[in-house]
Amino acid sequence: METVDYLFSGGRFVHALFFIHLAMEKVLKAHWVKASEENIPPKTHNLIYLVEKSNLNLSEGDTDFLQKLNAYQIEGRYPDYLSKLRMDTMKETAGKIRTDAKILFQCLTEILP
């Protein structure tokens, strides 16, 4: 999340949201490992899929937020989509996402053993 703040302060909003997605993906994969006998998370970047398979009971608002955040996982993987994301991501939008993500990330981290 420190990298998110650094990128955000430099005006790299889409990249900051990509790193938010990465952080959220990692904490959800930690929950997957906690909930799975195999302890091997799947090779997926879909946050909703990870929530569903980790037996997490998130609010509808949190699930909707993660669904929206899924759009930013492709920035590093599909650069052609980057220009559209840049046009759609303004400082205010990115700031709101960053604030909400930090709260949810903290909650998900705290409920890990």
PDB file of N, CA and C in Angstrom:
ATOM      1  N   MET A   1       0.822  -1.196   0.000  1.00  0.00           N
ATOM      2  CA  MET A   1       0.000   0.000   0.000  1.00  0.00           C
ATOM      3  C   MET A   1       0.867   1.261   0.000  1.00  0.00           C
ATOM      4  N   GLU A   2       2.111   1.148   0.441  1.00  0.00           N
ATOM      5  CA  GLU A   2       3.011   2.300   0.371  1.00  0.00           C
ATOM      6  C   GLU A   2       3.250   2.693  -1.084  1.00  0.00           C
ATOM      7  N   THR A   3       3.382   1.700  -1.946  1.00  0.00           N
ATOM      8  CA  THR A   3       3.578   1.963  -3.369  1.00  0.00           C
ATOM      9  C   THR A   3       2.364   2.653  -3.954  1.00  0.00           C
ATOM     10  N   VAL A   4       1.184   2.270  -3.502  1.00  0.00           N
ATOM     11  CA  VAL A   4      -0.050   2.910  -3.951  1.00  0.00           C
ATOM     12  C   VAL A   4       0.000   4.403  -3.642  1.00  0.00           C
ATOM     13  N   ASP A   5       0.375   4.731  -2.422  1.00  0.00           N
ATOM     14  CA  ASP A   5       0.442   6.141  -2.026  1.00  0.00           C
ATOM     15  C   ASP A   5       1.486   6.898  -2.847  1.00  0.00           C
ATOM     16  N   TYR A   6       2.616   6.265  -3.095  1.00  0.00           N
ATOM     17  CA  TYR A   6       3.673   6.894  -3.883  1.00  0.00           C
ATOM     18  C   TYR A   6       3.199   7.170  -5.311  1.00  0.00           C
ATOM     19  N   LEU A   7       2.595   6.165  -5.938  1.00  0.00           N
ATOM     20  CA  LEU A   7       2.082   6.339  -7.298  1.00  0.00           C
ATOM     21  C   LEU A   7       0.980   7.391  -7.348  1.00  0.00           C
ATOM     22  N   PHE A   8       0.114   7.361  -6.359  1.00  0.00           N
ATOM     23  CA  PHE A   8      -0.986   8.325  -6.308  1.00  0.00           C
ATOM     24  C   PHE A   8      -0.452   9.751  -6.195  1.00  0.00           C
ATOM     25  N   SER A   9       0.537   9.951  -5.337  1.00  0.00           N
ATOM     26  CA  SER A   9       1.090  11.301  -5.157  1.00  0.00           C
ATOM     27  C   SER A   9       1.765  11.811  -6.425  1.00  0.00           C
ATOM     28  N   GLY A  10       2.215  10.894  -7.271  1.00  0.00           N
ATOM     29  CA  GLY A  10       2.831  11.280  -8.536  1.00  0.00           C
ATOM     30  C   GLY A  10       1.844  11.376  -9.686  1.00  0.00           C
ATOM     31  N   GLY A  11       0.554  11.239  -9.387  1.00  0.00           N
ATOM     32  CA  GLY A  11      -0.465  11.353 -10.430  1.00  0.00           C
ATOM     33  C   GLY A  11      -0.611  10.106 -11.288  1.00  0.00           C
ATOM     34  N   ARG A  12      -0.049   9.006 -10.855  1.00  0.00           N
ATOM     35  CA  ARG A  12      -0.144   7.740 -11.606  1.00  0.00           C
ATOM     36  C   ARG A  12      -1.328   6.937 -11.066  1.00  0.00           C
ATOM     37  N   PHE A  13      -2.520   7.459 -11.294  1.00  0.00           N
ATOM     38  CA  PHE A  13      -3.726   6.918 -10.664  1.00  0.00           C
ATOM     39  C   PHE A  13      -4.059   5.500 -11.113  1.00  0.00           C
ATOM     40  N   VAL A  14      -3.985   5.239 -12.403  1.00  0.00           N
ATOM     41  CA  VAL A  14      -4.311   3.899 -12.897  1.00  0.00           C
ATOM     42  C   VAL A  14      -3.299   2.894 -12.354  1.00  0.00           C
ATOM     43  N   HIS A  15      -2.041   3.259 -12.353  1.00  0.00           N
ATOM     44  CA  HIS A  15      -1.027   2.361 -11.812  1.00  0.00           C
ATOM     45  C   HIS A  15      -1.242   2.131 -10.319  1.00  0.00           C
ATOM     46  N   ALA A  16      -1.628   3.168  -9.593  1.00  0.00           N
ATOM     47  CA  ALA A  16      -1.920   3.019  -8.168  1.00  0.00           C
ATOM     48  C   ALA A  16      -3.067   2.036  -7.956  1.00  0.00           C
ATOM     49  N   LEU A  17      -4.087   2.124  -8.789  1.00  0.00           N
ATOM     50  CA  LEU A  17      -5.229   1.217  -8.654  1.00  0.00           C
ATOM     51  C   LEU A  17      -4.853  -0.211  -9.045  1.00  0.00           C
ATOM     52  N   PHE A  18      -3.933  -0.361  -9.973  1.00  0.00           N
ATOM     53  CA  PHE A  18      -3.411  -1.683 -10.322  1.00  0.00           C
ATOM     54  C   PHE A  18      -2.739  -2.304  -9.089  1.00  0.00           C
ATOM     55  N   PHE A  19      -1.944  -1.519  -8.375  1.00  0.00           N
ATOM     56  CA  PHE A  19      -1.279  -2.030  -7.187  1.00  0.00           C
ATOM     57  C   PHE A  19      -2.270  -2.292  -6.056  1.00  0.00           C
ATOM     58  N   ILE A  20      -3.333  -1.514  -5.985  1.00  0.00           N
ATOM     59  CA  ILE A  20      -4.398  -1.815  -5.019  1.00  0.00           C
ATOM     60  C   ILE A  20      -4.985  -3.179  -5.327  1.00  0.00           C
ATOM     61  N   HIS A  21      -5.242  -3.420  -6.607  1.00  0.00           N
ATOM     62  CA  HIS A  21      -5.775  -4.725  -6.996  1.00  0.00           C
ATOM     63  C   HIS A  21      -4.819  -5.839  -6.595  1.00  0.00           C
ATOM     64  N   LEU A  22      -3.533  -5.646  -6.839  1.00  0.00           N
ATOM     65  CA  LEU A  22      -2.542  -6.665  -6.472  1.00  0.00           C
ATOM     66  C   LEU A  22      -2.569  -6.946  -4.966  1.00  0.00           C
ATOM     67  N   ALA A  23      -2.606  -5.894  -4.167  1.00  0.00           N
ATOM     68  CA  ALA A  23      -2.632  -6.068  -2.715  1.00  0.00           C
ATOM     69  C   ALA A  23      -3.893  -6.811  -2.279  1.00  0.00           C
ATOM     70  N   MET A  24      -5.014  -6.423  -2.850  1.00  0.00           N
ATOM     71  CA  MET A  24      -6.278  -7.071  -2.500  1.00  0.00           C
ATOM     72  C   MET A  24      -6.261  -8.537  -2.937  1.00  0.00           C
ATOM     73  N   GLU A  25      -5.707  -8.790  -4.117  1.00  0.00           N
ATOM     74  CA  GLU A  25      -5.604 -10.166  -4.609  1.00  0.00           C
ATOM     75  C   GLU A  25      -4.770 -11.012  -3.643  1.00  0.00           C
ATOM     76  N   LYS A  26      -3.669 -10.464  -3.151  1.00  0.00           N
ATOM     77  CA  LYS A  26      -2.795 -11.225  -2.248  1.00  0.00           C
ATOM     78  C   LYS A  26      -3.480 -11.532  -0.924  1.00  0.00           C
ATOM     79  N   VAL A  27      -4.190 -10.578  -0.357  1.00  0.00           N
ATOM     80  CA  VAL A  27      -4.856 -10.846   0.921  1.00  0.00           C
ATOM     81  C   VAL A  27      -6.006 -11.836   0.715  1.00  0.00           C
ATOM     82  N   LEU A  28      -6.683 -11.771  -0.415  1.00  0.00           N
ATOM     83  CA  LEU A  28      -7.749 -12.742  -0.682  1.00  0.00           C
ATOM     84  C   LEU A  28      -7.174 -14.136  -0.928  1.00  0.00           C
ATOM     85  N   LYS A  29      -6.014 -14.210  -1.549  1.00  0.00           N
ATOM     86  CA  LYS A  29      -5.369 -15.520  -1.737  1.00  0.00           C
ATOM     87  C   LYS A  29      -4.901 -16.080  -0.394  1.00  0.00           C
ATOM     88  N   ALA A  30      -4.529 -15.223   0.533  1.00  0.00           N
ATOM     89  CA  ALA A  30      -4.196 -15.685   1.882  1.00  0.00           C
ATOM     90  C   ALA A  30      -5.433 -16.299   2.544  1.00  0.00           C
ATOM     91  N   HIS A  31      -6.584 -15.681   2.330  1.00  0.00           N
ATOM     92  CA  HIS A  31      -7.831 -16.251   2.846  1.00  0.00           C
ATOM     93  C   HIS A  31      -8.147 -17.576   2.154  1.00  0.00           C
ATOM     94  N   TRP A  32      -7.860 -17.667   0.867  1.00  0.00           N
ATOM     95  CA  TRP A  32      -8.059 -18.921   0.130  1.00  0.00           C
ATOM     96  C   TRP A  32      -7.241 -20.027   0.790  1.00  0.00           C
ATOM     97  N   VAL A  33      -5.966 -19.745   1.057  1.00  0.00           N
ATOM     98  CA  VAL A  33      -5.083 -20.734   1.676  1.00  0.00           C
ATOM     99  C   VAL A  33      -5.626 -21.147   3.038  1.00  0.00           C
ATOM    100  N   LYS A  34      -6.117 -20.190   3.782  1.00  0.00           N
ATOM    101  CA  LYS A  34      -6.700 -20.464   5.107  1.00  0.00           C
ATOM    102  C   LYS A  34      -7.919 -21.387   4.990  1.00  0.00           C
ATOM    103  N   ALA A  35      -8.715 -21.210   3.944  1.00  0.00           N
ATOM    104  CA  ALA A  35      -9.967 -21.952   3.798  1.00  0.00           C
ATOM    105  C   ALA A  35      -9.818 -23.272   3.041  1.00  0.00           C
ATOM    106  N   SER A  36      -8.683 -23.496   2.407  1.00  0.00           N
ATOM    107  CA  SER A  36      -8.515 -24.653   1.525  1.00  0.00           C
ATOM    108  C   SER A  36      -7.581 -25.685   2.138  1.00  0.00           C
ATOM    109  N   GLU A  37      -7.946 -26.943   2.006  1.00  0.00           N
ATOM    110  CA  GLU A  37      -7.076 -28.021   2.472  1.00  0.00           C
ATOM    111  C   GLU A  37      -5.814 -28.121   1.620  1.00  0.00           C
ATOM    112  N   GLU A  38      -5.927 -27.753   0.357  1.00  0.00           N
ATOM    113  CA  GLU A  38      -4.786 -27.852  -0.551  1.00  0.00           C
ATOM    114  C   GLU A  38      -3.771 -26.736  -0.324  1.00  0.00           C
ATOM    115  N   ASN A  39      -4.222 -25.613   0.203  1.00  0.00           N
ATOM    116  CA  ASN A  39      -3.363 -24.463   0.486  1.00  0.00           C
ATOM    117  C   ASN A  39      -2.639 -23.911  -0.729  1.00  0.00           C
ATOM    118  N   ILE A  40      -3.188 -24.132  -1.898  1.00  0.00           N
ATOM    119  CA  ILE A  40      -2.599 -23.579  -3.115  1.00  0.00           C
ATOM    120  C   ILE A  40      -3.653 -22.715  -3.790  1.00  0.00           C
ATOM    121  N   PRO A  41      -3.453 -21.397  -3.807  1.00  0.00           N
ATOM    122  CA  PRO A  41      -4.460 -20.530  -4.432  1.00  0.00           C
ATOM    123  C   PRO A  41      -4.461 -20.691  -5.951  1.00  0.00           C
ATOM    124  N   PRO A  42      -5.584 -20.431  -6.576  1.00  0.00           N
ATOM    125  CA  PRO A  42      -5.677 -20.583  -8.032  1.00  0.00           C
ATOM    126  C   PRO A  42      -4.934 -19.474  -8.765  1.00  0.00           C
ATOM    127  N   LYS A  43      -4.632 -19.729 -10.002  1.00  0.00           N
ATOM    128  CA  LYS A  43      -3.986 -18.724 -10.853  1.00  0.00           C
ATOM    129  C   LYS A  43      -5.079 -17.880 -11.493  1.00  0.00           C
ATOM    130  N   THR A  44      -5.624 -17.006 -10.695  1.00  0.00           N
ATOM    131  CA  THR A  44      -6.676 -16.104 -11.163  1.00  0.00           C
ATOM    132  C   THR A  44      -6.435 -14.727 -10.558  1.00  0.00           C
ATOM    133  N   HIS A  45      -6.943 -13.723 -11.250  1.00  0.00           N
ATOM    134  CA  HIS A  45      -6.867 -12.355 -10.748  1.00  0.00           C
ATOM    135  C   HIS A  45      -8.249 -11.832 -10.399  1.00  0.00           C
ATOM    136  N   ASN A  46      -9.263 -12.674 -10.520  1.00  0.00           N
ATOM    137  CA  ASN A  46     -10.643 -12.282 -10.282  1.00  0.00           C
ATOM    138  C   ASN A  46     -10.930 -12.246  -8.779  1.00  0.00           C
ATOM    139  N   LEU A  47     -11.095 -11.062  -8.254  1.00  0.00           N
ATOM    140  CA  LEU A  47     -11.298 -10.887  -6.818  1.00  0.00           C
ATOM    141  C   LEU A  47     -12.596 -11.523  -6.330  1.00  0.00           C
ATOM    142  N   ILE A  48     -13.624 -11.446  -7.127  1.00  0.00           N
ATOM    143  CA  ILE A  48     -14.918 -12.023  -6.735  1.00  0.00           C
ATOM    144  C   ILE A  48     -14.810 -13.535  -6.612  1.00  0.00           C
ATOM    145  N   TYR A  49     -14.168 -14.162  -7.569  1.00  0.00           N
ATOM    146  CA  TYR A  49     -13.958 -15.612  -7.525  1.00  0.00           C
ATOM    147  C   TYR A  49     -13.197 -15.992  -6.252  1.00  0.00           C
ATOM    148  N   LEU A  50     -12.172 -15.231  -5.918  1.00  0.00           N
ATOM    149  CA  LEU A  50     -11.390 -15.521  -4.717  1.00  0.00           C
ATOM    150  C   LEU A  50     -12.235 -15.378  -3.453  1.00  0.00           C
ATOM    151  N   VAL A  51     -13.072 -14.360  -3.400  1.00  0.00           N
ATOM    152  CA  VAL A  51     -13.962 -14.182  -2.246  1.00  0.00           C
ATOM    153  C   VAL A  51     -14.901 -15.376  -2.115  1.00  0.00           C
ATOM    154  N   GLU A  52     -15.519 -15.758  -3.215  1.00  0.00           N
ATOM    155  CA  GLU A  52     -16.485 -16.854  -3.188  1.00  0.00           C
ATOM    156  C   GLU A  52     -15.852 -18.159  -2.734  1.00  0.00           C
ATOM    157  N   LYS A  53     -14.655 -18.446  -3.181  1.00  0.00           N
ATOM    158  CA  LYS A  53     -14.000 -19.709  -2.858  1.00  0.00           C
ATOM    159  C   LYS A  53     -13.265 -19.680  -1.519  1.00  0.00           C
ATOM    160  N   SER A  54     -13.217 -18.526  -0.893  1.00  0.00           N
ATOM    161  CA  SER A  54     -12.544 -18.399   0.401  1.00  0.00           C
ATOM    162  C   SER A  54     -13.518 -18.406   1.564  1.00  0.00           C
ATOM    163  N   ASN A  55     -14.784 -18.601   1.260  1.00  0.00           N
ATOM    164  CA  ASN A  55     -15.822 -18.634   2.299  1.00  0.00           C
ATOM    165  C   ASN A  55     -15.896 -17.341   3.101  1.00  0.00           C
ATOM    166  N   LEU A  56     -15.603 -16.229   2.458  1.00  0.00           N
ATOM    167  CA  LEU A  56     -15.726 -14.931   3.119  1.00  0.00           C
ATOM    168  C   LEU A  56     -17.152 -14.423   2.947  1.00  0.00           C
ATOM    169  N   ASN A  57     -17.682 -13.855   3.987  1.00  0.00           N
ATOM    170  CA  ASN A  57     -19.018 -13.274   3.933  1.00  0.00           C
ATOM    171  C   ASN A  57     -18.884 -11.762   3.928  1.00  0.00           C
ATOM    172  N   LEU A  58     -18.687 -11.211   2.747  1.00  0.00           N
ATOM    173  CA  LEU A  58     -18.548  -9.762   2.623  1.00  0.00           C
ATOM    174  C   LEU A  58     -19.903  -9.136   2.341  1.00  0.00           C
ATOM    175  N   SER A  59     -20.010  -7.882   2.652  1.00  0.00           N
ATOM    176  CA  SER A  59     -21.249  -7.162   2.369  1.00  0.00           C
ATOM    177  C   SER A  59     -21.407  -7.003   0.863  1.00  0.00           C
ATOM    178  N   GLU A  60     -22.619  -6.717   0.452  1.00  0.00           N
ATOM    179  CA  GLU A  60     -22.874  -6.475  -0.970  1.00  0.00           C
ATOM    180  C   GLU A  60     -22.068  -5.274  -1.463  1.00  0.00           C
ATOM    181  N   GLY A  61     -21.925  -4.276  -0.618  1.00  0.00           N
ATOM    182  CA  GLY A  61     -21.136  -3.099  -0.976  1.00  0.00           C
ATOM    183  C   GLY A  61     -19.669  -3.453  -1.210  1.00  0.00           C
ATOM    184  N   ASP A  62     -19.111  -4.298  -0.334  1.00  0.00           N
ATOM    185  CA  ASP A  62     -17.717  -4.716  -0.507  1.00  0.00           C
ATOM    186  C   ASP A  62     -17.554  -5.556  -1.769  1.00  0.00           C
ATOM    187  N   THR A  63     -18.511  -6.424  -2.024  1.00  0.00           N
ATOM    188  CA  THR A  63     -18.453  -7.252  -3.233  1.00  0.00           C
ATOM    189  C   THR A  63     -18.562  -6.385  -4.481  1.00  0.00           C
ATOM    190  N   ASP A  64     -19.456  -5.424  -4.476  1.00  0.00           N
ATOM    191  CA  ASP A  64     -19.582  -4.503  -5.610  1.00  0.00           C
ATOM    192  C   ASP A  64     -18.275  -3.727  -5.817  1.00  0.00           C
ATOM    193  N   PHE A  65     -17.662  -3.289  -4.717  1.00  0.00           N
ATOM    194  CA  PHE A  65     -16.404  -2.560  -4.791  1.00  0.00           C
ATOM    195  C   PHE A  65     -15.316  -3.431  -5.435  1.00  0.00           C
ATOM    196  N   LEU A  66     -15.206  -4.680  -4.998  1.00  0.00           N
ATOM    197  CA  LEU A  66     -14.197  -5.579  -5.560  1.00  0.00           C
ATOM    198  C   LEU A  66     -14.454  -5.844  -7.038  1.00  0.00           C
ATOM    199  N   GLN A  67     -15.722  -5.930  -7.412  1.00  0.00           N
ATOM    200  CA  GLN A  67     -16.055  -6.118  -8.833  1.00  0.00           C
ATOM    201  C   GLN A  67     -15.547  -4.933  -9.652  1.00  0.00           C
ATOM    202  N   LYS A  68     -15.733  -3.736  -9.159  1.00  0.00           N
ATOM    203  CA  LYS A  68     -15.238  -2.546  -9.856  1.00  0.00           C
ATOM    204  C   LYS A  68     -13.709  -2.534  -9.894  1.00  0.00           C
ATOM    205  N   LEU A  69     -13.099  -2.966  -8.805  1.00  0.00           N
ATOM    206  CA  LEU A  69     -11.639  -3.000  -8.723  1.00  0.00           C
ATOM    207  C   LEU A  69     -11.034  -4.000  -9.712  1.00  0.00           C
ATOM    208  N   ASN A  70     -11.790  -5.021 -10.057  1.00  0.00           N
ATOM    209  CA  ASN A  70     -11.320  -6.003 -11.039  1.00  0.00           C
ATOM    210  C   ASN A  70     -10.889  -5.346 -12.346  1.00  0.00           C
ATOM    211  N   ALA A  71     -11.496  -4.241 -12.713  1.00  0.00           N
ATOM    212  CA  ALA A  71     -11.152  -3.568 -13.970  1.00  0.00           C
ATOM    213  C   ALA A  71      -9.696  -3.129 -14.000  1.00  0.00           C
ATOM    214  N   TYR A  72      -9.122  -2.875 -12.837  1.00  0.00           N
ATOM    215  CA  TYR A  72      -7.763  -2.333 -12.783  1.00  0.00           C
ATOM    216  C   TYR A  72      -6.677  -3.400 -12.754  1.00  0.00           C
ATOM    217  N   GLN A  73      -7.035  -4.663 -12.691  1.00  0.00           N
ATOM    218  CA  GLN A  73      -6.021  -5.711 -12.717  1.00  0.00           C
ATOM    219  C   GLN A  73      -5.419  -5.883 -14.097  1.00  0.00           C
ATOM    220  N   ILE A  74      -6.098  -5.399 -15.104  1.00  0.00           N
ATOM    221  CA  ILE A  74      -5.606  -5.622 -16.461  1.00  0.00           C
ATOM    222  C   ILE A  74      -4.567  -4.610 -16.903  1.00  0.00           C
ATOM    223  N   GLU A  75      -4.378  -3.548 -16.146  1.00  0.00           N
ATOM    224  CA  GLU A  75      -3.449  -2.495 -16.554  1.00  0.00           C
ATOM    225  C   GLU A  75      -2.065  -3.056 -16.863  1.00  0.00           C
ATOM    226  N   GLY A  76      -1.554  -3.898 -16.013  1.00  0.00           N
ATOM    227  CA  GLY A  76      -0.217  -4.425 -16.223  1.00  0.00           C
ATOM    228  C   GLY A  76      -0.173  -5.610 -17.157  1.00  0.00           C
ATOM    229  N   ARG A  77      -1.308  -6.157 -17.449  1.00  0.00           N
ATOM    230  CA  ARG A  77      -1.357  -7.370 -18.252  1.00  0.00           C
ATOM    231  C   ARG A  77      -1.834  -7.118 -19.683  1.00  0.00           C
ATOM    232  N   TYR A  78      -2.623  -6.075 -19.880  1.00  0.00           N
ATOM    233  CA  TYR A  78      -3.165  -5.756 -21.197  1.00  0.00           C
ATOM    234  C   TYR A  78      -2.985  -4.266 -21.464  1.00  0.00           C
ATOM    235  N   PRO A  79      -1.794  -3.863 -21.888  1.00  0.00           N
ATOM    236  CA  PRO A  79      -1.497  -2.431 -22.023  1.00  0.00           C
ATOM    237  C   PRO A  79      -2.382  -1.690 -23.023  1.00  0.00           C
ATOM    238  N   ASP A  80      -2.995  -2.373 -23.966  1.00  0.00           N
ATOM    239  CA  ASP A  80      -3.867  -1.691 -24.925  1.00  0.00           C
ATOM    240  C   ASP A  80      -5.083  -1.065 -24.238  1.00  0.00           C
ATOM    241  N   TYR A  81      -5.479  -1.633 -23.136  1.00  0.00           N
ATOM    242  CA  TYR A  81      -6.639  -1.143 -22.400  1.00  0.00           C
ATOM    243  C   TYR A  81      -6.284   0.050 -21.517  1.00  0.00           C
ATOM    244  N   LEU A  82      -4.983   0.284 -21.356  1.00  0.00           N
ATOM    245  CA  LEU A  82      -4.505   1.337 -20.459  1.00  0.00           C
ATOM    246  C   LEU A  82      -5.027   2.719 -20.828  1.00  0.00           C
ATOM    247  N   SER A  83      -5.053   3.052 -22.101  1.00  0.00           N
ATOM    248  CA  SER A  83      -5.493   4.395 -22.490  1.00  0.00           C
ATOM    249  C   SER A  83      -6.947   4.632 -22.102  1.00  0.00           C
ATOM    250  N   LYS A  84      -7.807   3.624 -22.240  1.00  0.00           N
ATOM    251  CA  LYS A  84      -9.204   3.773 -21.831  1.00  0.00           C
ATOM    252  C   LYS A  84      -9.305   3.961 -20.322  1.00  0.00           C
ATOM    253  N   LEU A  85      -8.542   3.179 -19.567  1.00  0.00           N
ATOM    254  CA  LEU A  85      -8.571   3.327 -18.112  1.00  0.00           C
ATOM    255  C   LEU A  85      -8.087   4.711 -17.692  1.00  0.00           C
ATOM    256  N   ARG A  86      -7.064   5.211 -18.344  1.00  0.00           N
ATOM    257  CA  ARG A  86      -6.553   6.541 -17.995  1.00  0.00           C
ATOM    258  C   ARG A  86      -7.615   7.609 -18.225  1.00  0.00           C
ATOM    259  N   MET A  87      -8.359   7.484 -19.309  1.00  0.00           N
ATOM    260  CA  MET A  87      -9.399   8.464 -19.606  1.00  0.00           C
ATOM    261  C   MET A  87     -10.528   8.387 -18.579  1.00  0.00           C
ATOM    262  N   ASP A  88     -10.808   7.183 -18.094  1.00  0.00           N
ATOM    263  CA  ASP A  88     -11.919   6.973 -17.173  1.00  0.00           C
ATOM    264  C   ASP A  88     -11.550   7.192 -15.707  1.00  0.00           C
ATOM    265  N   THR A  89     -10.281   7.357 -15.401  1.00  0.00           N
ATOM    266  CA  THR A  89      -9.835   7.424 -14.016  1.00  0.00           C
ATOM    267  C   THR A  89      -9.294   8.806 -13.694  1.00  0.00           C
ATOM    268  N   MET A  90     -10.076   9.554 -12.985  1.00  0.00           N
ATOM    269  CA  MET A  90      -9.681  10.886 -12.549  1.00  0.00           C
ATOM    270  C   MET A  90      -9.199  10.812 -11.102  1.00  0.00           C
ATOM    271  N   LYS A  91      -8.565  11.858 -10.647  1.00  0.00           N
ATOM    272  CA  LYS A  91      -8.000  11.893  -9.299  1.00  0.00           C
ATOM    273  C   LYS A  91      -9.064  11.623  -8.236  1.00  0.00           C
ATOM    274  N   GLU A  92     -10.238  12.213  -8.381  1.00  0.00           N
ATOM    275  CA  GLU A  92     -11.286  12.043  -7.375  1.00  0.00           C
ATOM    276  C   GLU A  92     -11.750  10.587  -7.309  1.00  0.00           C
ATOM    277  N   THR A  93     -11.945   9.967  -8.474  1.00  0.00           N
ATOM    278  CA  THR A  93     -12.369   8.569  -8.524  1.00  0.00           C
ATOM    279  C   THR A  93     -11.305   7.671  -7.913  1.00  0.00           C
ATOM    280  N   ALA A  94     -10.075   7.879  -8.317  1.00  0.00           N
ATOM    281  CA  ALA A  94      -8.972   7.069  -7.804  1.00  0.00           C
ATOM    282  C   ALA A  94      -8.807   7.268  -6.303  1.00  0.00           C
ATOM    283  N   GLY A  95      -8.979   8.479  -5.830  1.00  0.00           N
ATOM    284  CA  GLY A  95      -8.863   8.756  -4.399  1.00  0.00           C
ATOM    285  C   GLY A  95      -9.906   8.030  -3.579  1.00  0.00           C
ATOM    286  N   LYS A  96     -11.121   8.010  -4.072  1.00  0.00           N
ATOM    287  CA  LYS A  96     -12.209   7.297  -3.384  1.00  0.00           C
ATOM    288  C   LYS A  96     -11.927   5.802  -3.356  1.00  0.00           C
ATOM    289  N   ILE A  97     -11.482   5.262  -4.485  1.00  0.00           N
ATOM    290  CA  ILE A  97     -11.154   3.839  -4.549  1.00  0.00           C
ATOM    291  C   ILE A  97     -10.018   3.524  -3.580  1.00  0.00           C
ATOM    292  N   ARG A  98      -8.996   4.377  -3.553  1.00  0.00           N
ATOM    293  CA  ARG A  98      -7.859   4.157  -2.659  1.00  0.00           C
ATOM    294  C   ARG A  98      -8.311   4.149  -1.202  1.00  0.00           C
ATOM    295  N   THR A  99      -9.131   5.094  -0.813  1.00  0.00           N
ATOM    296  CA  THR A  99      -9.619   5.161   0.566  1.00  0.00           C
ATOM    297  C   THR A  99     -10.424   3.917   0.926  1.00  0.00           C
ATOM    298  N   ASP A 100     -11.360   3.541   0.061  1.00  0.00           N
ATOM    299  CA  ASP A 100     -12.191   2.363   0.319  1.00  0.00           C
ATOM    300  C   ASP A 100     -11.357   1.088   0.353  1.00  0.00           C
ATOM    301  N   ALA A 101     -10.376   0.989  -0.530  1.00  0.00           N
ATOM    302  CA  ALA A 101      -9.531  -0.200  -0.591  1.00  0.00           C
ATOM    303  C   ALA A 101      -8.701  -0.356   0.677  1.00  0.00           C
ATOM    304  N   LYS A 102      -8.185   0.745   1.187  1.00  0.00           N
ATOM    305  CA  LYS A 102      -7.380   0.669   2.408  1.00  0.00           C
ATOM    306  C   LYS A 102      -8.216   0.159   3.581  1.00  0.00           C
ATOM    307  N   ILE A 103      -9.442   0.598   3.661  1.00  0.00           N
ATOM    308  CA  ILE A 103     -10.324   0.149   4.744  1.00  0.00           C
ATOM    309  C   ILE A 103     -10.611  -1.340   4.617  1.00  0.00           C
ATOM    310  N   LEU A 104     -10.990  -1.784   3.427  1.00  0.00           N
ATOM    311  CA  LEU A 104     -11.311  -3.193   3.217  1.00  0.00           C
ATOM    312  C   LEU A 104     -10.067  -4.060   3.383  1.00  0.00           C
ATOM    313  N   PHE A 105      -8.936  -3.612   2.857  1.00  0.00           N
ATOM    314  CA  PHE A 105      -7.690  -4.363   2.984  1.00  0.00           C
ATOM    315  C   PHE A 105      -7.337  -4.557   4.459  1.00  0.00           C
ATOM    316  N   GLN A 106      -7.471  -3.510   5.238  1.00  0.00           N
ATOM    317  CA  GLN A 106      -7.183  -3.597   6.675  1.00  0.00           C
ATOM    318  C   GLN A 106      -8.108  -4.597   7.355  1.00  0.00           C
ATOM    319  N   CYS A 107      -9.382  -4.558   7.025  1.00  0.00           N
ATOM    320  CA  CYS A 107     -10.341  -5.507   7.611  1.00  0.00           C
ATOM    321  C   CYS A 107      -9.997  -6.946   7.259  1.00  0.00           C
ATOM    322  N   LEU A 108      -9.675  -7.171   5.984  1.00  0.00           N
ATOM    323  CA  LEU A 108      -9.336  -8.526   5.533  1.00  0.00           C
ATOM    324  C   LEU A 108      -8.034  -9.010   6.166  1.00  0.00           C
ATOM    325  N   THR A 109      -7.097  -8.114   6.365  1.00  0.00           N
ATOM    326  CA  THR A 109      -5.835  -8.491   7.003  1.00  0.00           C
ATOM    327  C   THR A 109      -6.051  -8.831   8.474  1.00  0.00           C
ATOM    328  N   GLU A 110      -6.879  -8.073   9.146  1.00  0.00           N
ATOM    329  CA  GLU A 110      -7.112  -8.282  10.575  1.00  0.00           C
ATOM    330  C   GLU A 110      -7.810  -9.603  10.878  1.00  0.00           C
ATOM    331  N   ILE A 111      -8.613 -10.122   9.953  1.00  0.00           N
ATOM    332  CA  ILE A 111      -9.329 -11.380  10.240  1.00  0.00           C
ATOM    333  C   ILE A 111      -8.533 -12.617   9.839  1.00  0.00           C
ATOM    334  N   LEU A 112      -7.325 -12.432   9.304  1.00  0.00           N
ATOM    335  CA  LEU A 112      -6.448 -13.576   9.077  1.00  0.00           C
ATOM    336  C   LEU A 112      -5.879 -14.015  10.429  1.00  0.00           C
ATOM    337  N   PRO A 113      -5.604 -15.308  10.598  1.00  0.00           N
ATOM    338  CA  PRO A 113      -5.062 -15.764  11.903  1.00  0.00           C
ATOM    339  C   PRO A 113      -3.650 -15.256  12.119  1.00  0.00           C
TER     340      PRO A 113
END
